[in-house]
Amino acid sequence: MNANRPDPNAQPVELGDLLRYWRDVRGVSQLDLSLDAGVSQRQISFIESGRSVPGRDTLLTLAQTLDVPLRERNALLLAAGYAPVYSEAPWNAQEMHGVIRALERVVRQHEPFPAIVMDRHWNVLMTNEAAPRFFGCFIDMAAREGPRNMLHLIFDPHGMRPFLADWDTVSRSLLQRVYRETVGHVADAGVKRLLDELLAYPDVPRDWKTHRGTSASPTTPVIPLSLVSEGAVLRYFSMVTTVGAPQNVAAQELRLECMFPADDETETRHQQLLARHAQHR
């Protein structure tokens, strides 16, 4: 297999199916794609029908125009008989050292509030010290088997679920976030499996896709994650950060979520909660 010349044994029909799939996902016609990518509509039609295999650069141009995630760009290249361009090394590989160092710095600076680094399926890869301490104020984190998944932690009746102040609103907003924040705005098999697992928990609202209501105040800019501790409601919101201009798959799929208190009362109670938890350890 060559990075620039297609493999004569490649299956162009599969490539055509993939390209058509991404064009359909983005709601783009062959003509629109032709105009945006600077590739003739005739050539796009030939690719999709399996009559021709484009050059690597042309294929990458089409993929970039369609905003295809890097992992799936590699799949397009393989279907055309080319070697993958984007590294699929794990998130903690040596080539990710600079990114990981930056993430470690950010999560450390976010103390005493939780900061969590996750993969594209919400599996926890890294946290600051505050994150397990905070969730440990509610449940026995040591009793939960790894790898830990943030959404399972929240939806599980034996996890954080009993402490949520507004389960109906929070569960709907989180399920909608799963779709909204997927890489490339496309739910892959892993995301679909995660959704099925979450929907299998009891009392999960089935109208989460279409429901538009919210219990948030009109003056509240976000839907808070509200937790009940010792009769008091603690309100938090999240900021999600991704790596800018990623050039490998792991970098594109990483997400950093930082929790912030939504009001001064929560900030004060948060500090008190962690202090009491530390005394009883």
C-alpha atoms as a PDB file:
ATOM      1  CA  MET A   1       0.000   0.000   0.000  1.00  0.00           C
ATOM      2  CA  ASN A   2       1.336   3.427  -0.990  1.00  0.00           C
ATOM      3  CA  ALA A   3       0.495   6.790   0.543  1.00  0.00           C
ATOM      4  CA  ASN A   4       0.056   8.376  -2.896  1.00  0.00           C
ATOM      5  CA  ARG A   5      -0.892   5.579  -5.320  1.00  0.00           C
ATOM      6  CA  PRO A   6      -4.105   3.605  -4.890  1.00  0.00           C
ATOM      7  CA  ASP A   7      -4.015  -0.141  -4.314  1.00  0.00           C
ATOM      8  CA  PRO A   8      -5.376  -1.873  -7.441  1.00  0.00           C
ATOM      9  CA  ASN A   9      -7.138  -4.380  -5.167  1.00  0.00           C
ATOM     10  CA  ALA A  10      -9.132  -1.663  -3.340  1.00  0.00           C
ATOM     11  CA  GLN A  11     -12.905  -1.745  -3.551  1.00  0.00           C
ATOM     12  CA  PRO A  12     -14.067   1.529  -5.185  1.00  0.00           C
ATOM     13  CA  VAL A  13     -17.726   0.711  -4.601  1.00  0.00           C
ATOM     14  CA  GLU A  14     -17.106   0.838  -0.833  1.00  0.00           C
ATOM     15  CA  LEU A  15     -15.414   4.207  -1.274  1.00  0.00           C
ATOM     16  CA  GLY A  16     -18.395   5.471  -3.236  1.00  0.00           C
ATOM     17  CA  ASP A  17     -20.769   4.313  -0.525  1.00  0.00           C
ATOM     18  CA  LEU A  18     -18.708   6.069   2.145  1.00  0.00           C
ATOM     19  CA  LEU A  19     -18.498   9.335   0.232  1.00  0.00           C
ATOM     20  CA  ARG A  20     -22.230   9.275  -0.478  1.00  0.00           C
ATOM     21  CA  TYR A  21     -22.885   8.547   3.206  1.00  0.00           C
ATOM     22  CA  TRP A  22     -20.950  11.617   4.344  1.00  0.00           C
ATOM     23  CA  ARG A  23     -22.545  13.780   1.693  1.00  0.00           C
ATOM     24  CA  ASP A  24     -25.987  12.639   2.876  1.00  0.00           C
ATOM     25  CA  VAL A  25     -25.045  13.215   6.532  1.00  0.00           C
ATOM     26  CA  ARG A  26     -24.067  16.801   5.740  1.00  0.00           C
ATOM     27  CA  GLY A  27     -27.096  17.342   3.517  1.00  0.00           C
ATOM     28  CA  VAL A  28     -24.913  18.326   0.563  1.00  0.00           C
ATOM     29  CA  SER A  29     -25.686  17.613  -3.083  1.00  0.00           C
ATOM     30  CA  GLN A  30     -23.039  16.531  -5.579  1.00  0.00           C
ATOM     31  CA  LEU A  31     -23.246  20.000  -7.127  1.00  0.00           C
ATOM     32  CA  ASP A  32     -22.806  21.754  -3.776  1.00  0.00           C
ATOM     33  CA  LEU A  33     -19.838  19.549  -2.924  1.00  0.00           C
ATOM     34  CA  SER A  34     -18.353  20.206  -6.333  1.00  0.00           C
ATOM     35  CA  LEU A  35     -18.587  23.972  -5.903  1.00  0.00           C
ATOM     36  CA  ASP A  36     -17.259  23.949  -2.318  1.00  0.00           C
ATOM     37  CA  ALA A  37     -14.379  21.539  -2.958  1.00  0.00           C
ATOM     38  CA  GLY A  38     -13.372  22.640  -6.437  1.00  0.00           C
ATOM     39  CA  VAL A  39     -13.823  19.096  -7.758  1.00  0.00           C
ATOM     40  CA  SER A  40     -15.988  18.480 -10.812  1.00  0.00           C
ATOM     41  CA  GLN A  41     -19.454  17.071 -10.243  1.00  0.00           C
ATOM     42  CA  ARG A  42     -18.693  14.486 -12.926  1.00  0.00           C
ATOM     43  CA  GLN A  43     -15.707  13.189 -10.933  1.00  0.00           C
ATOM     44  CA  ILE A  44     -17.742  13.040  -7.707  1.00  0.00           C
ATOM     45  CA  SER A  45     -20.426  11.087  -9.556  1.00  0.00           C
ATOM     46  CA  PHE A  46     -17.818   8.653 -10.925  1.00  0.00           C
ATOM     47  CA  ILE A  47     -16.368   8.123  -7.428  1.00  0.00           C
ATOM     48  CA  GLU A  48     -19.753   7.409  -5.896  1.00  0.00           C
ATOM     49  CA  SER A  49     -20.724   5.031  -8.691  1.00  0.00           C
ATOM     50  CA  GLY A  50     -17.434   3.141  -8.359  1.00  0.00           C
ATOM     51  CA  ARG A  51     -16.251   4.098 -11.849  1.00  0.00           C
ATOM     52  CA  SER A  52     -13.097   5.837 -10.619  1.00  0.00           C
ATOM     53  CA  VAL A  53     -10.809   6.210  -7.625  1.00  0.00           C
ATOM     54  CA  PRO A  54      -9.645   9.783  -6.920  1.00  0.00           C
ATOM     55  CA  GLY A  55      -6.118  10.834  -6.081  1.00  0.00           C
ATOM     56  CA  ARG A  56      -5.279  11.022  -2.408  1.00  0.00           C
ATOM     57  CA  ASP A  57      -5.212  14.830  -2.330  1.00  0.00           C
ATOM     58  CA  THR A  58      -8.584  15.041  -4.067  1.00  0.00           C
ATOM     59  CA  LEU A  59     -10.091  12.589  -1.596  1.00  0.00           C
ATOM     60  CA  LEU A  60      -8.705  14.534   1.367  1.00  0.00           C
ATOM     61  CA  THR A  61     -10.098  17.745  -0.104  1.00  0.00           C
ATOM     62  CA  LEU A  62     -13.558  16.176  -0.343  1.00  0.00           C
ATOM     63  CA  ALA A  63     -13.273  14.848   3.215  1.00  0.00           C
ATOM     64  CA  GLN A  64     -12.206  18.226   4.567  1.00  0.00           C
ATOM     65  CA  THR A  65     -15.022  19.982   2.733  1.00  0.00           C
ATOM     66  CA  LEU A  66     -17.509  17.550   4.271  1.00  0.00           C
ATOM     67  CA  ASP A  67     -15.913  18.014   7.727  1.00  0.00           C
ATOM     68  CA  VAL A  68     -15.329  14.272   8.034  1.00  0.00           C
ATOM     69  CA  PRO A  69     -13.708  13.395  11.399  1.00  0.00           C
ATOM     70  CA  LEU A  70     -10.067  12.314  11.171  1.00  0.00           C
ATOM     71  CA  ARG A  71     -10.775   8.691  12.128  1.00  0.00           C
ATOM     72  CA  GLU A  72     -13.296   8.424   9.297  1.00  0.00           C
ATOM     73  CA  ARG A  73     -10.955  10.204   6.865  1.00  0.00           C
ATOM     74  CA  ASN A  74      -8.564   7.307   7.419  1.00  0.00           C
ATOM     75  CA  ALA A  75     -11.415   4.929   6.579  1.00  0.00           C
ATOM     76  CA  LEU A  76     -12.014   6.788   3.312  1.00  0.00           C
ATOM     77  CA  LEU A  77      -8.320   6.562   2.455  1.00  0.00           C
ATOM     78  CA  LEU A  78      -8.229   2.842   3.201  1.00  0.00           C
ATOM     79  CA  ALA A  79     -11.325   2.281   1.060  1.00  0.00           C
ATOM     80  CA  ALA A  80      -9.527   3.986  -1.821  1.00  0.00           C
ATOM     81  CA  GLY A  81      -6.423   1.861  -1.274  1.00  0.00           C
ATOM     82  CA  TYR A  82      -4.260   4.535   0.343  1.00  0.00           C
ATOM     83  CA  ALA A  83      -2.405   4.388   3.630  1.00  0.00           C
ATOM     84  CA  PRO A  84      -4.020   6.331   6.494  1.00  0.00           C
ATOM     85  CA  VAL A  85      -2.691   9.858   6.950  1.00  0.00           C
ATOM     86  CA  TYR A  86      -3.786  10.557  10.519  1.00  0.00           C
ATOM     87  CA  SER A  87      -2.194   8.735  13.429  1.00  0.00           C
ATOM     88  CA  GLU A  88      -4.549   6.601  15.511  1.00  0.00           C
ATOM     89  CA  ALA A  89      -2.070   6.196  18.365  1.00  0.00           C
ATOM     90  CA  PRO A  90      -3.681   6.117  21.836  1.00  0.00           C
ATOM     91  CA  TRP A  91      -4.294   9.324  23.743  1.00  0.00           C
ATOM     92  CA  ASN A  92      -1.300   8.727  26.034  1.00  0.00           C
ATOM     93  CA  ALA A  93       1.193   7.910  23.261  1.00  0.00           C
ATOM     94  CA  GLN A  94       4.517   9.743  23.142  1.00  0.00           C
ATOM     95  CA  GLU A  95       3.369  11.911  20.228  1.00  0.00           C
ATOM     96  CA  MET A  96       0.607  13.272  22.491  1.00  0.00           C
ATOM     97  CA  HIS A  97       3.072  14.293  25.215  1.00  0.00           C
ATOM     98  CA  GLY A  98       2.713  18.042  24.641  1.00  0.00           C
ATOM     99  CA  VAL A  99      -1.081  17.890  24.613  1.00  0.00           C
ATOM    100  CA  ILE A 100      -1.205  15.731  27.744  1.00  0.00           C
ATOM    101  CA  ARG A 101       1.141  18.093  29.575  1.00  0.00           C
ATOM    102  CA  ALA A 102      -1.145  20.991  28.687  1.00  0.00           C
ATOM    103  CA  LEU A 103      -4.217  19.095  29.895  1.00  0.00           C
ATOM    104  CA  GLU A 104      -2.484  18.183  33.150  1.00  0.00           C
ATOM    105  CA  ARG A 105      -1.696  21.844  33.691  1.00  0.00           C
ATOM    106  CA  VAL A 106      -5.295  22.923  33.058  1.00  0.00           C
ATOM    107  CA  VAL A 107      -6.919  20.308  35.310  1.00  0.00           C
ATOM    108  CA  ARG A 108      -4.445  21.105  38.093  1.00  0.00           C
ATOM    109  CA  GLN A 109      -5.192  24.823  37.875  1.00  0.00           C
ATOM    110  CA  HIS A 110      -8.942  24.155  38.125  1.00  0.00           C
ATOM    111  CA  GLU A 111      -8.721  23.000  41.746  1.00  0.00           C
ATOM    112  CA  PRO A 112     -10.798  22.920  43.925  1.00  0.00           C
ATOM    113  CA  PHE A 113     -13.474  22.247  41.303  1.00  0.00           C
ATOM    114  CA  PRO A 114     -13.715  19.036  39.258  1.00  0.00           C
ATOM    115  CA  ALA A 115     -11.934  18.858  35.907  1.00  0.00           C
ATOM    116  CA  ILE A 116     -12.147  15.693  33.802  1.00  0.00           C
ATOM    117  CA  VAL A 117     -10.543  14.632  30.519  1.00  0.00           C
ATOM    118  CA  MET A 118     -12.654  12.150  28.534  1.00  0.00           C
ATOM    119  CA  ASP A 119     -12.592  10.333  25.226  1.00  0.00           C
ATOM    120  CA  ARG A 120     -15.309  10.569  22.595  1.00  0.00           C
ATOM    121  CA  HIS A 121     -17.492   8.101  24.523  1.00  0.00           C
ATOM    122  CA  TRP A 122     -17.264   9.946  27.868  1.00  0.00           C
ATOM    123  CA  ASN A 123     -14.796   7.475  29.364  1.00  0.00           C
ATOM    124  CA  VAL A 124     -12.611   9.174  31.979  1.00  0.00           C
ATOM    125  CA  LEU A 125      -8.933   9.389  31.030  1.00  0.00           C
ATOM    126  CA  MET A 126      -7.627  11.937  33.512  1.00  0.00           C
ATOM    127  CA  THR A 127      -8.908  14.076  36.386  1.00  0.00           C
ATOM    128  CA  ASN A 128      -7.616  16.576  38.880  1.00  0.00           C
ATOM    129  CA  GLU A 129      -7.651  15.707  42.597  1.00  0.00           C
ATOM    130  CA  ALA A 130     -10.915  17.563  43.149  1.00  0.00           C
ATOM    131  CA  ALA A 131     -12.993  15.354  40.832  1.00  0.00           C
ATOM    132  CA  PRO A 132     -12.841  12.038  42.757  1.00  0.00           C
ATOM    133  CA  ARG A 133     -12.929  13.928  46.052  1.00  0.00           C
ATOM    134  CA  PHE A 134     -16.105  15.727  44.986  1.00  0.00           C
ATOM    135  CA  PHE A 135     -17.959  12.653  43.728  1.00  0.00           C
ATOM    136  CA  GLY A 136     -16.646  10.751  46.740  1.00  0.00           C
ATOM    137  CA  CYS A 137     -18.676  13.118  48.934  1.00  0.00           C
ATOM    138  CA  PHE A 138     -21.790  11.426  47.540  1.00  0.00           C
ATOM    139  CA  ILE A 139     -20.827   7.826  46.713  1.00  0.00           C
ATOM    140  CA  ASP A 140     -18.042   5.322  47.316  1.00  0.00           C
ATOM    141  CA  MET A 141     -15.949   5.865  44.194  1.00  0.00           C
ATOM    142  CA  ALA A 142     -13.569   3.041  45.130  1.00  0.00           C
ATOM    143  CA  ALA A 143     -16.437   0.566  44.821  1.00  0.00           C
ATOM    144  CA  ARG A 144     -17.043   1.453  41.165  1.00  0.00           C
ATOM    145  CA  GLU A 145     -15.113  -0.669  38.700  1.00  0.00           C
ATOM    146  CA  GLY A 146     -13.097   1.018  35.971  1.00  0.00           C
ATOM    147  CA  PRO A 147     -12.855   2.240  33.381  1.00  0.00           C
ATOM    148  CA  ARG A 148     -15.181   4.946  34.634  1.00  0.00           C
ATOM    149  CA  ASN A 149     -17.688   6.591  32.357  1.00  0.00           C
ATOM    150  CA  MET A 150     -19.107   9.967  33.378  1.00  0.00           C
ATOM    151  CA  LEU A 151     -22.562   9.390  31.944  1.00  0.00           C
ATOM    152  CA  HIS A 152     -22.938   5.980  33.583  1.00  0.00           C
ATOM    153  CA  LEU A 153     -21.827   7.578  36.843  1.00  0.00           C
ATOM    154  CA  ILE A 154     -24.640  10.122  36.572  1.00  0.00           C
ATOM    155  CA  PHE A 155     -27.407   7.851  35.218  1.00  0.00           C
ATOM    156  CA  ASP A 156     -26.756   4.860  37.482  1.00  0.00           C
ATOM    157  CA  PRO A 157     -29.294   4.623  40.373  1.00  0.00           C
ATOM    158  CA  HIS A 158     -26.366   3.378  42.474  1.00  0.00           C
ATOM    159  CA  GLY A 159     -24.233   6.304  41.347  1.00  0.00           C
ATOM    160  CA  MET A 160     -24.988  10.031  41.294  1.00  0.00           C
ATOM    161  CA  ARG A 161     -28.581   9.668  40.117  1.00  0.00           C
ATOM    162  CA  PRO A 162     -30.205   9.828  43.628  1.00  0.00           C
ATOM    163  CA  PHE A 163     -28.503  13.154  44.310  1.00  0.00           C
ATOM    164  CA  LEU A 164     -29.700  14.964  41.182  1.00  0.00           C
ATOM    165  CA  ALA A 165     -32.180  17.706  42.014  1.00  0.00           C
ATOM    166  CA  ASP A 166     -33.881  17.799  38.597  1.00  0.00           C
ATOM    167  CA  TRP A 167     -33.469  14.385  37.016  1.00  0.00           C
ATOM    168  CA  ASP A 168     -35.939  14.977  34.192  1.00  0.00           C
ATOM    169  CA  THR A 169     -34.224  18.108  32.899  1.00  0.00           C
ATOM    170  CA  VAL A 170     -30.664  16.945  33.523  1.00  0.00           C
ATOM    171  CA  SER A 171     -31.113  13.549  31.866  1.00  0.00           C
ATOM    172  CA  ARG A 172     -32.672  15.084  28.748  1.00  0.00           C
ATOM    173  CA  SER A 173     -29.980  17.739  28.450  1.00  0.00           C
ATOM    174  CA  LEU A 174     -27.190  15.170  28.867  1.00  0.00           C
ATOM    175  CA  LEU A 175     -28.645  12.821  26.265  1.00  0.00           C
ATOM    176  CA  GLN A 176     -28.946  15.738  23.851  1.00  0.00           C
ATOM    177  CA  ARG A 177     -25.330  16.676  24.609  1.00  0.00           C
ATOM    178  CA  VAL A 178     -24.177  13.199  23.603  1.00  0.00           C
ATOM    179  CA  TYR A 179     -25.454  13.871  20.103  1.00  0.00           C
ATOM    180  CA  ARG A 180     -24.550  17.563  19.982  1.00  0.00           C
ATOM    181  CA  GLU A 181     -20.925  17.070  21.038  1.00  0.00           C
ATOM    182  CA  THR A 182     -20.080  13.945  19.052  1.00  0.00           C
ATOM    183  CA  VAL A 183     -16.949  14.261  16.924  1.00  0.00           C
ATOM    184  CA  GLY A 184     -18.009  15.626  13.560  1.00  0.00           C
ATOM    185  CA  HIS A 185     -21.608  15.721  14.848  1.00  0.00           C
ATOM    186  CA  VAL A 186     -22.045  12.086  13.846  1.00  0.00           C
ATOM    187  CA  ALA A 187     -23.013   9.314  16.253  1.00  0.00           C
ATOM    188  CA  ASP A 188     -20.750   6.331  15.638  1.00  0.00           C
ATOM    189  CA  ALA A 189     -21.428   2.771  16.802  1.00  0.00           C
ATOM    190  CA  GLY A 190     -19.869   3.493  20.199  1.00  0.00           C
ATOM    191  CA  VAL A 191     -22.088   6.527  20.778  1.00  0.00           C
ATOM    192  CA  LYS A 192     -25.188   4.589  19.753  1.00  0.00           C
ATOM    193  CA  ARG A 193     -24.236   1.773  22.122  1.00  0.00           C
ATOM    194  CA  LEU A 194     -23.692   4.285  24.934  1.00  0.00           C
ATOM    195  CA  LEU A 195     -27.121   5.818  24.319  1.00  0.00           C
ATOM    196  CA  ASP A 196     -28.758   2.386  24.383  1.00  0.00           C
ATOM    197  CA  GLU A 197     -27.051   1.635  27.704  1.00  0.00           C
ATOM    198  CA  LEU A 198     -28.167   4.947  29.217  1.00  0.00           C
ATOM    199  CA  LEU A 199     -31.737   4.522  27.995  1.00  0.00           C
ATOM    200  CA  ALA A 200     -31.815   1.098  29.674  1.00  0.00           C
ATOM    201  CA  TYR A 201     -31.634   2.747  33.096  1.00  0.00           C
ATOM    202  CA  PRO A 202     -35.009   3.227  34.864  1.00  0.00           C
ATOM    203  CA  ASP A 203     -37.077   6.386  34.412  1.00  0.00           C
ATOM    204  CA  VAL A 204     -35.068   7.860  31.551  1.00  0.00           C
ATOM    205  CA  PRO A 205     -37.347  10.201  29.530  1.00  0.00           C
ATOM    206  CA  ARG A 206     -38.042   8.761  26.088  1.00  0.00           C
ATOM    207  CA  ASP A 207     -38.838  12.108  24.461  1.00  0.00           C
ATOM    208  CA  TRP A 208     -35.331  13.476  24.997  1.00  0.00           C
ATOM    209  CA  LYS A 209     -34.742  14.043  21.277  1.00  0.00           C
ATOM    210  CA  THR A 210     -37.777  16.240  20.730  1.00  0.00           C
ATOM    211  CA  HIS A 211     -38.377  17.767  24.170  1.00  0.00           C
ATOM    212  CA  ARG A 212     -37.669  21.496  24.235  1.00  0.00           C
ATOM    213  CA  GLY A 213     -38.851  22.403  27.703  1.00  0.00           C
ATOM    214  CA  THR A 214     -36.529  23.405  30.525  1.00  0.00           C
ATOM    215  CA  SER A 215     -36.959  24.250  34.156  1.00  0.00           C
ATOM    216  CA  ALA A 216     -34.114  26.752  33.965  1.00  0.00           C
ATOM    217  CA  SER A 217     -34.968  30.342  34.786  1.00  0.00           C
ATOM    218  CA  PRO A 218     -35.224  32.732  31.803  1.00  0.00           C
ATOM    219  CA  THR A 219     -32.307  34.630  33.349  1.00  0.00           C
ATOM    220  CA  THR A 220     -30.145  31.491  33.588  1.00  0.00           C
ATOM    221  CA  PRO A 221     -27.771  31.151  30.596  1.00  0.00           C
ATOM    222  CA  VAL A 222     -27.218  27.400  31.112  1.00  0.00           C
ATOM    223  CA  ILE A 223     -29.025  24.336  32.434  1.00  0.00           C
ATOM    224  CA  PRO A 224     -27.219  23.643  35.711  1.00  0.00           C
ATOM    225  CA  LEU A 225     -26.280  20.259  37.067  1.00  0.00           C
ATOM    226  CA  SER A 226     -27.977  20.517  40.450  1.00  0.00           C
ATOM    227  CA  LEU A 227     -26.989  18.128  43.247  1.00  0.00           C
ATOM    228  CA  VAL A 228     -28.558  17.768  46.680  1.00  0.00           C
ATOM    229  CA  SER A 229     -26.182  17.530  49.628  1.00  0.00           C
ATOM    230  CA  GLU A 230     -27.417  17.585  53.234  1.00  0.00           C
ATOM    231  CA  GLY A 231     -30.664  19.235  52.183  1.00  0.00           C
ATOM    232  CA  ALA A 232     -28.968  22.000  50.193  1.00  0.00           C
ATOM    233  CA  VAL A 233     -28.922  22.272  46.406  1.00  0.00           C
ATOM    234  CA  LEU A 234     -25.531  22.811  44.788  1.00  0.00           C
ATOM    235  CA  ARG A 235     -25.687  24.135  41.235  1.00  0.00           C
ATOM    236  CA  TYR A 236     -22.866  23.672  38.737  1.00  0.00           C
ATOM    237  CA  PHE A 237     -22.365  24.202  35.038  1.00  0.00           C
ATOM    238  CA  SER A 238     -19.704  22.881  32.676  1.00  0.00           C
ATOM    239  CA  MET A 239     -17.312  24.309  30.126  1.00  0.00           C
ATOM    240  CA  VAL A 240     -16.067  21.868  27.512  1.00  0.00           C
ATOM    241  CA  THR A 241     -12.733  22.385  25.772  1.00  0.00           C
ATOM    242  CA  THR A 242     -11.359  20.550  22.743  1.00  0.00           C
ATOM    243  CA  VAL A 243      -7.942  20.628  21.089  1.00  0.00           C
ATOM    244  CA  GLY A 244      -7.665  23.266  18.374  1.00  0.00           C
ATOM    245  CA  ALA A 245      -6.520  22.219  14.878  1.00  0.00           C
ATOM    246  CA  PRO A 246      -5.945  18.541  15.777  1.00  0.00           C
ATOM    247  CA  GLN A 247      -3.708  16.535  13.461  1.00  0.00           C
ATOM    248  CA  ASN A 248      -4.228  13.070  14.892  1.00  0.00           C
ATOM    249  CA  VAL A 249      -7.296  11.089  15.884  1.00  0.00           C
ATOM    250  CA  ALA A 250      -6.673  11.071  19.640  1.00  0.00           C
ATOM    251  CA  ALA A 251      -6.204  14.833  19.791  1.00  0.00           C
ATOM    252  CA  GLN A 252      -9.466  15.433  17.946  1.00  0.00           C
ATOM    253  CA  GLU A 253     -11.438  13.089  20.196  1.00  0.00           C
ATOM    254  CA  LEU A 254     -10.238  14.391  23.570  1.00  0.00           C
ATOM    255  CA  ARG A 255     -12.565  16.615  25.585  1.00  0.00           C
ATOM    256  CA  LEU A 256     -11.862  18.494  28.786  1.00  0.00           C
ATOM    257  CA  GLU A 257     -14.858  19.241  31.003  1.00  0.00           C
ATOM    258  CA  CYS A 258     -14.494  21.707  33.854  1.00  0.00           C
ATOM    259  CA  MET A 259     -17.251  22.135  36.435  1.00  0.00           C
ATOM    260  CA  PHE A 260     -17.919  25.588  37.871  1.00  0.00           C
ATOM    261  CA  PRO A 261     -20.263  26.701  40.663  1.00  0.00           C
ATOM    262  CA  ALA A 262     -23.264  28.487  39.163  1.00  0.00           C
ATOM    263  CA  ASP A 263     -23.667  30.860  42.129  1.00  0.00           C
ATOM    264  CA  ASP A 264     -21.798  32.171  45.165  1.00  0.00           C
ATOM    265  CA  GLU A 265     -23.721  29.960  47.585  1.00  0.00           C
ATOM    266  CA  THR A 266     -22.675  26.835  45.706  1.00  0.00           C
ATOM    267  CA  GLU A 267     -19.056  27.964  45.691  1.00  0.00           C
ATOM    268  CA  THR A 268     -19.099  28.360  49.465  1.00  0.00           C
ATOM    269  CA  ARG A 269     -20.906  25.071  50.086  1.00  0.00           C
ATOM    270  CA  HIS A 270     -18.566  23.273  47.690  1.00  0.00           C
ATOM    271  CA  GLN A 271     -15.535  24.288  49.749  1.00  0.00           C
ATOM    272  CA  GLN A 272     -17.277  23.228  52.960  1.00  0.00           C
ATOM    273  CA  LEU A 273     -18.310  19.889  51.467  1.00  0.00           C
ATOM    274  CA  LEU A 274     -14.762  18.998  50.415  1.00  0.00           C
ATOM    275  CA  ALA A 275     -13.385  20.101  53.785  1.00  0.00           C
ATOM    276  CA  ARG A 276     -15.839  17.884  55.719  1.00  0.00           C
ATOM    277  CA  HIS A 277     -15.124  14.957  53.417  1.00  0.00           C
ATOM    278  CA  ALA A 278     -11.369  15.350  53.996  1.00  0.00           C
ATOM    279  CA  GLN A 279     -11.888  15.272  57.783  1.00  0.00           C
ATOM    280  CA  HIS A 280     -13.778  11.961  57.619  1.00  0.00           C
ATOM    281  CA  ARG A 281     -11.313  10.143  55.395  1.00  0.00           C
END
